[in-house]
Amino acid sequence: MLAFVLVLCNVRVPSIVDHGLSLLGQATSGVALFASGIMLAAYKIQIDRTALSLALLKNIVQPALVLVGLRSLGYGAPIVPEAVLTTAIPSMPIVIVLAVQYHVLEGRASSALFLSVIGSMFTIGVFIALTQ
């Protein structure tokens, strides 16, 4: 919230702080992928109705709703392709981390992430074609 207010007030962050935060931001995606790989290795992938439903919702339904919604509101490029492809990205690894931390459906969260990543190889291509 503080960062949002600082941006709105056009406050400049000192370059040393900006550089440190930039390095931290660049490392987070790699750390998240590493952590999700460990979690996927720790839990057996079980393909069931819930995991399939979660992957379907994330990979197909969510981007399709964004596509239809933005097109119906009259938006075009570059807003529509960027928004649709951003929502077509697979589930985030934080889902598994939270499931493990709170001991809630760890295996199912791992399965949903796995299916979402595998499915995204096809669905992202379809949504790229639909937004061109």
C-alpha atoms as a PDB file:
ATOM      1  CA  MET A   1       0.000   0.000   0.000  1.00  0.00           C
ATOM      2  CA  LEU A   2       2.853   2.320   0.832  1.00  0.00           C
ATOM      3  CA  ALA A   3       4.460   1.687  -2.572  1.00  0.00           C
ATOM      4  CA  PHE A   4       1.183   2.556  -4.295  1.00  0.00           C
ATOM      5  CA  VAL A   5       0.980   5.860  -2.441  1.00  0.00           C
ATOM      6  CA  LEU A   6       4.628   6.646  -3.199  1.00  0.00           C
ATOM      7  CA  VAL A   7       4.085   6.043  -6.914  1.00  0.00           C
ATOM      8  CA  LEU A   8       0.987   8.231  -6.918  1.00  0.00           C
ATOM      9  CA  CYS A   9       2.914  11.031  -5.203  1.00  0.00           C
ATOM     10  CA  ASN A  10       5.772  10.652  -7.715  1.00  0.00           C
ATOM     11  CA  VAL A  11       8.294  10.067  -4.924  1.00  0.00           C
ATOM     12  CA  ARG A  12      11.715   8.943  -6.170  1.00  0.00           C
ATOM     13  CA  VAL A  13      13.422   6.056  -4.405  1.00  0.00           C
ATOM     14  CA  PRO A  14      17.207   6.385  -3.869  1.00  0.00           C
ATOM     15  CA  SER A  15      19.184   4.486  -6.495  1.00  0.00           C
ATOM     16  CA  ILE A  16      20.800   2.167  -3.943  1.00  0.00           C
ATOM     17  CA  VAL A  17      17.367   1.060  -2.681  1.00  0.00           C
ATOM     18  CA  ASP A  18      16.052   0.792  -6.244  1.00  0.00           C
ATOM     19  CA  HIS A  19      19.002  -1.408  -7.245  1.00  0.00           C
ATOM     20  CA  GLY A  20      18.561  -3.679  -4.213  1.00  0.00           C
ATOM     21  CA  LEU A  21      14.850  -4.114  -4.835  1.00  0.00           C
ATOM     22  CA  SER A  22      15.522  -4.751  -8.511  1.00  0.00           C
ATOM     23  CA  LEU A  23      17.919  -7.584  -7.661  1.00  0.00           C
ATOM     24  CA  LEU A  24      15.387  -9.043  -5.252  1.00  0.00           C
ATOM     25  CA  GLY A  25      12.647  -8.843  -7.882  1.00  0.00           C
ATOM     26  CA  GLN A  26      14.809 -10.594 -10.471  1.00  0.00           C
ATOM     27  CA  ALA A  27      15.509 -13.487  -8.111  1.00  0.00           C
ATOM     28  CA  THR A  28      11.939 -14.196  -7.063  1.00  0.00           C
ATOM     29  CA  SER A  29      10.793 -15.999 -10.219  1.00  0.00           C
ATOM     30  CA  GLY A  30      13.740 -18.384 -10.110  1.00  0.00           C
ATOM     31  CA  VAL A  31      13.230 -19.085  -6.429  1.00  0.00           C
ATOM     32  CA  ALA A  32       9.510 -19.679  -6.996  1.00  0.00           C
ATOM     33  CA  LEU A  33      10.225 -22.157  -9.799  1.00  0.00           C
ATOM     34  CA  PHE A  34      12.779 -23.943  -7.638  1.00  0.00           C
ATOM     35  CA  ALA A  35      10.333 -24.146  -4.729  1.00  0.00           C
ATOM     36  CA  SER A  36       7.501 -25.390  -6.925  1.00  0.00           C
ATOM     37  CA  GLY A  37       9.798 -28.067  -8.381  1.00  0.00           C
ATOM     38  CA  ILE A  38      10.604 -29.299  -4.892  1.00  0.00           C
ATOM     39  CA  MET A  39       6.915 -29.339  -3.972  1.00  0.00           C
ATOM     40  CA  LEU A  40       5.975 -31.177  -7.169  1.00  0.00           C
ATOM     41  CA  ALA A  41       8.663 -33.780  -6.449  1.00  0.00           C
ATOM     42  CA  ALA A  42       7.454 -34.203  -2.864  1.00  0.00           C
ATOM     43  CA  TYR A  43       3.820 -34.975  -3.715  1.00  0.00           C
ATOM     44  CA  LYS A  44       2.469 -37.620  -6.059  1.00  0.00           C
ATOM     45  CA  ILE A  45       0.544 -36.167  -8.994  1.00  0.00           C
ATOM     46  CA  GLN A  46      -3.058 -37.370  -8.817  1.00  0.00           C
ATOM     47  CA  ILE A  47      -5.253 -36.524 -11.764  1.00  0.00           C
ATOM     48  CA  ASP A  48      -8.774 -36.224 -10.422  1.00  0.00           C
ATOM     49  CA  ARG A  49     -11.853 -34.120 -11.101  1.00  0.00           C
ATOM     50  CA  THR A  50     -10.823 -31.307  -8.761  1.00  0.00           C
ATOM     51  CA  ALA A  51      -7.303 -30.929 -10.162  1.00  0.00           C
ATOM     52  CA  LEU A  52      -8.627 -31.029 -13.725  1.00  0.00           C
ATOM     53  CA  SER A  53     -11.320 -28.481 -12.871  1.00  0.00           C
ATOM     54  CA  LEU A  54      -8.806 -26.091 -11.315  1.00  0.00           C
ATOM     55  CA  ALA A  55      -6.489 -26.343 -14.323  1.00  0.00           C
ATOM     56  CA  LEU A  56      -9.410 -25.888 -16.726  1.00  0.00           C
ATOM     57  CA  LEU A  57     -10.638 -22.823 -14.866  1.00  0.00           C
ATOM     58  CA  LYS A  58      -7.187 -21.248 -14.792  1.00  0.00           C
ATOM     59  CA  ASN A  59      -6.074 -22.135 -18.324  1.00  0.00           C
ATOM     60  CA  ILE A  60      -9.281 -21.786 -20.335  1.00  0.00           C
ATOM     61  CA  VAL A  61     -12.186 -20.194 -18.467  1.00  0.00           C
ATOM     62  CA  GLN A  62     -10.338 -17.241 -16.916  1.00  0.00           C
ATOM     63  CA  PRO A  63      -8.606 -16.059 -20.132  1.00  0.00           C
ATOM     64  CA  ALA A  64     -11.772 -16.672 -22.151  1.00  0.00           C
ATOM     65  CA  LEU A  65     -13.805 -14.491 -19.789  1.00  0.00           C
ATOM     66  CA  VAL A  66     -11.191 -11.734 -20.027  1.00  0.00           C
ATOM     67  CA  LEU A  67     -11.195 -12.009 -23.832  1.00  0.00           C
ATOM     68  CA  VAL A  68     -14.971 -11.857 -24.125  1.00  0.00           C
ATOM     69  CA  GLY A  69     -15.280  -9.135 -21.487  1.00  0.00           C
ATOM     70  CA  LEU A  70     -12.697  -6.815 -23.014  1.00  0.00           C
ATOM     71  CA  ARG A  71     -13.926  -7.355 -26.560  1.00  0.00           C
ATOM     72  CA  SER A  72     -17.522  -6.674 -25.488  1.00  0.00           C
ATOM     73  CA  LEU A  73     -16.379  -3.426 -23.872  1.00  0.00           C
ATOM     74  CA  GLY A  74     -14.782  -2.377 -27.148  1.00  0.00           C
ATOM     75  CA  TYR A  75     -11.118  -2.791 -26.275  1.00  0.00           C
ATOM     76  CA  GLY A  76      -8.574  -3.871 -28.874  1.00  0.00           C
ATOM     77  CA  ALA A  77      -4.845  -4.293 -29.234  1.00  0.00           C
ATOM     78  CA  PRO A  78      -2.584  -4.007 -27.302  1.00  0.00           C
ATOM     79  CA  ILE A  79      -4.831  -4.205 -24.205  1.00  0.00           C
ATOM     80  CA  VAL A  80      -6.720  -7.383 -25.142  1.00  0.00           C
ATOM     81  CA  PRO A  81      -3.743  -9.590 -26.105  1.00  0.00           C
ATOM     82  CA  GLU A  82      -1.728  -8.500 -23.084  1.00  0.00           C
ATOM     83  CA  ALA A  83      -4.566  -9.015 -20.610  1.00  0.00           C
ATOM     84  CA  VAL A  84      -5.643 -12.357 -22.087  1.00  0.00           C
ATOM     85  CA  LEU A  85      -2.124 -13.779 -22.224  1.00  0.00           C
ATOM     86  CA  THR A  86      -1.397 -12.584 -18.708  1.00  0.00           C
ATOM     87  CA  THR A  87      -4.433 -14.474 -17.408  1.00  0.00           C
ATOM     88  CA  ALA A  88      -3.520 -17.538 -19.529  1.00  0.00           C
ATOM     89  CA  ILE A  89      -0.266 -17.994 -17.604  1.00  0.00           C
ATOM     90  CA  PRO A  90      -0.374 -21.212 -15.530  1.00  0.00           C
ATOM     91  CA  SER A  91      -1.219 -21.277 -11.833  1.00  0.00           C
ATOM     92  CA  MET A  92       1.335 -19.667  -9.572  1.00  0.00           C
ATOM     93  CA  PRO A  93       3.686 -21.765  -7.420  1.00  0.00           C
ATOM     94  CA  ILE A  94       2.517 -19.878  -4.313  1.00  0.00           C
ATOM     95  CA  VAL A  95      -0.582 -22.098  -4.376  1.00  0.00           C
ATOM     96  CA  ILE A  96       1.505 -25.121  -3.412  1.00  0.00           C
ATOM     97  CA  VAL A  97       3.477 -23.182  -0.806  1.00  0.00           C
ATOM     98  CA  LEU A  98       0.268 -22.013   0.879  1.00  0.00           C
ATOM     99  CA  ALA A  99      -1.257 -25.499   0.706  1.00  0.00           C
ATOM    100  CA  VAL A 100       1.793 -26.992   2.404  1.00  0.00           C
ATOM    101  CA  GLN A 101       2.025 -24.230   4.985  1.00  0.00           C
ATOM    102  CA  TYR A 102      -1.604 -24.659   6.055  1.00  0.00           C
ATOM    103  CA  HIS A 103      -1.747 -28.458   5.468  1.00  0.00           C
ATOM    104  CA  VAL A 104      -4.680 -28.217   3.068  1.00  0.00           C
ATOM    105  CA  LEU A 105      -4.854 -30.427  -0.034  1.00  0.00           C
ATOM    106  CA  GLU A 106      -1.122 -30.374  -0.736  1.00  0.00           C
ATOM    107  CA  GLY A 107      -1.273 -33.194  -3.291  1.00  0.00           C
ATOM    108  CA  ARG A 108      -4.225 -31.687  -5.088  1.00  0.00           C
ATOM    109  CA  ALA A 109      -2.542 -28.266  -5.295  1.00  0.00           C
ATOM    110  CA  SER A 110       0.578 -29.905  -6.754  1.00  0.00           C
ATOM    111  CA  SER A 111      -1.533 -31.806  -9.252  1.00  0.00           C
ATOM    112  CA  ALA A 112      -3.431 -28.682 -10.281  1.00  0.00           C
ATOM    113  CA  LEU A 113      -0.178 -26.758 -10.815  1.00  0.00           C
ATOM    114  CA  PHE A 114       1.298 -29.613 -12.834  1.00  0.00           C
ATOM    115  CA  LEU A 115      -1.779 -29.902 -15.047  1.00  0.00           C
ATOM    116  CA  SER A 116      -1.954 -26.138 -15.444  1.00  0.00           C
ATOM    117  CA  VAL A 117       1.660 -25.928 -16.625  1.00  0.00           C
ATOM    118  CA  ILE A 118       1.298 -28.844 -19.038  1.00  0.00           C
ATOM    119  CA  GLY A 119      -2.021 -27.519 -20.361  1.00  0.00           C
ATOM    120  CA  SER A 120      -0.641 -24.023 -20.837  1.00  0.00           C
ATOM    121  CA  MET A 121       1.674 -25.271 -23.568  1.00  0.00           C
ATOM    122  CA  PHE A 122      -1.440 -25.671 -25.695  1.00  0.00           C
ATOM    123  CA  THR A 123      -3.842 -23.068 -24.339  1.00  0.00           C
ATOM    124  CA  ILE A 124      -1.417 -20.135 -24.534  1.00  0.00           C
ATOM    125  CA  GLY A 125      -0.930 -20.884 -28.230  1.00  0.00           C
ATOM    126  CA  VAL A 126      -4.676 -20.939 -28.766  1.00  0.00           C
ATOM    127  CA  PHE A 127      -5.157 -17.614 -26.976  1.00  0.00           C
ATOM    128  CA  ILE A 128      -2.286 -16.042 -28.927  1.00  0.00           C
ATOM    129  CA  ALA A 129      -4.086 -17.046 -32.124  1.00  0.00           C
ATOM    130  CA  LEU A 130      -7.442 -15.771 -30.843  1.00  0.00           C
ATOM    131  CA  THR A 131      -6.075 -12.360 -29.897  1.00  0.00           C
ATOM    132  CA  GLN A 132      -4.283 -11.642 -33.195  1.00  0.00           C
END
